[in-house]
Protein backbone atom coordinates (compact mmCIF):
# COMPACT_ATOMS: atom_id res chain seq x y z
CA UNK A 1 135.41 83.52 75.02
CA UNK A 2 132.03 83.11 73.40
CA UNK A 3 130.45 81.53 76.48
CA UNK A 4 130.83 84.62 78.71
CA UNK A 5 127.57 86.32 77.62
CA UNK A 6 125.65 83.09 78.31
CA UNK A 7 126.91 83.08 81.91
CA UNK A 8 125.98 86.70 82.73
CA UNK A 9 122.25 86.06 83.18
CA UNK A 10 122.51 82.95 85.42
CA UNK A 11 125.07 84.59 87.70
CA UNK A 12 123.08 87.83 87.80
CA UNK A 13 119.95 85.81 88.64
CA UNK A 14 121.85 84.04 91.43
CA UNK A 15 123.08 87.34 92.81
CA UNK A 16 119.61 88.88 92.68
CA UNK A 17 118.23 85.79 94.41
CA UNK A 18 120.76 86.16 97.22
CA UNK A 19 119.89 89.82 97.67
CA UNK A 20 116.11 89.38 97.42
CA UNK A 21 115.79 86.58 99.99
CA UNK A 22 116.50 88.69 103.12
CA UNK A 23 114.44 91.56 101.69
CA UNK A 24 111.44 89.31 101.09
CA UNK A 25 111.77 87.93 104.63
CA UNK A 26 111.80 91.42 106.16
CA UNK A 27 108.77 92.61 104.15
CA UNK A 28 106.92 89.26 104.50
CA UNK A 29 106.48 88.96 100.73
CA UNK A 30 106.79 85.48 99.19
CA UNK A 31 110.29 84.97 97.82
CA UNK A 32 109.19 83.47 94.49
CA UNK A 33 106.67 86.27 93.91
CA UNK A 34 109.30 88.93 94.48
CA UNK A 35 111.71 87.11 92.15
CA UNK A 36 109.02 86.90 89.49
CA UNK A 37 108.36 90.65 89.59
CA UNK A 38 112.07 91.52 89.55
CA UNK A 39 112.66 89.00 86.75
CA UNK A 40 109.86 90.48 84.67
CA UNK A 41 111.25 93.97 85.11
CA UNK A 42 114.78 92.81 84.31
CA UNK A 43 113.58 90.91 81.24
CA UNK A 44 111.60 93.87 79.93
CA UNK A 45 114.50 96.25 80.47
CA UNK A 46 117.09 93.84 79.10
CA UNK A 47 115.16 93.25 75.88
CA UNK A 48 114.14 96.86 75.25
CA UNK A 49 117.17 98.81 76.49
CA UNK A 50 120.66 97.91 75.28
CA UNK A 51 122.66 96.86 78.34
CA UNK A 52 125.72 95.26 76.69
CA UNK A 53 126.40 91.77 78.02
CA UNK A 54 123.09 91.50 79.88
CA UNK A 55 121.06 92.02 76.71
CA UNK A 56 123.17 89.46 74.84
CA UNK A 57 122.81 86.99 77.69
CA UNK A 58 119.02 87.44 77.87
CA UNK A 59 118.75 86.86 74.13
CA UNK A 60 120.81 83.67 74.40
CA UNK A 61 118.61 82.34 77.23
CA UNK A 62 115.40 83.40 75.46
CA UNK A 63 116.33 81.32 72.42
CA UNK A 64 117.89 78.38 74.24
CA UNK A 65 117.46 74.97 72.66
CA UNK A 66 115.84 72.84 74.00
CA UNK A 67 113.55 75.26 75.88
CA UNK A 68 113.10 72.79 78.73
CA UNK A 69 116.72 73.42 79.72
CA UNK A 70 115.59 76.81 81.06
CA UNK A 71 113.20 75.06 83.45
CA UNK A 72 115.84 72.54 84.54
CA UNK A 73 118.21 75.35 85.44
CA UNK A 74 115.85 77.82 87.14
CA UNK A 75 112.72 75.97 88.28
CA UNK A 76 114.38 73.27 90.40
CA UNK A 77 116.03 75.72 92.85
CA UNK A 78 112.77 77.64 93.27
CA UNK A 79 110.78 74.47 93.99
CA UNK A 80 113.48 73.29 96.39
CA UNK A 81 113.44 76.61 98.25
CA UNK A 82 109.66 76.54 98.59
CA UNK A 83 109.68 72.93 99.83
CA UNK A 84 112.58 73.56 102.21
CA UNK A 85 110.81 76.51 103.85
CA UNK A 86 107.41 74.83 104.12
CA UNK A 87 106.04 74.47 107.63
CA UNK A 88 105.99 70.68 108.21
CA UNK A 89 103.15 70.82 110.74
CA UNK A 90 100.91 72.86 108.45
CA UNK A 91 101.78 70.62 105.51
CA UNK A 92 100.85 67.48 107.47
CA UNK A 93 97.50 69.02 108.42
CA UNK A 94 96.70 70.03 104.82
CA UNK A 95 98.06 67.01 102.93
CA UNK A 96 94.58 65.62 102.21
CA UNK A 97 93.37 68.92 100.72
CA UNK A 98 96.58 69.28 98.71
CA UNK A 99 96.28 65.81 97.20
CA UNK A 100 92.53 66.18 96.72
CA UNK A 101 92.97 69.40 94.74
CA UNK A 102 96.25 68.67 92.95
CA UNK A 103 95.67 65.09 91.78
CA UNK A 104 92.65 65.80 89.51
CA UNK A 105 94.37 68.84 88.02
CA UNK A 106 97.52 66.87 87.20
CA UNK A 107 95.48 64.05 85.66
CA UNK A 108 93.48 66.59 83.60
CA UNK A 109 96.72 68.20 82.37
CA UNK A 110 98.07 64.82 81.30
CA UNK A 111 95.06 64.26 79.06
């Protein structure tokens, strides 16, 4: 039906994420950084070169309403992955610096 093009991009993103994770581990490149670069390339190609369903799907997701839905769908898994793979010992040693640097920035962004 009409919902098929909307599902192409999320499933393609999931598939790329599954492929990129072992590659980023082998090359010791941060997973989210590698996904960002691949996503930027895919977005540029998908919007400038006609690739059938992928181009339609990217256009649907680019004009999604409300725009925050995009962050609910894609940002939460990335944050979870980063938190899940964080070294607990290192995090416990750096918690003061993290709070000291992050808290003022968050407060400034609120105002």
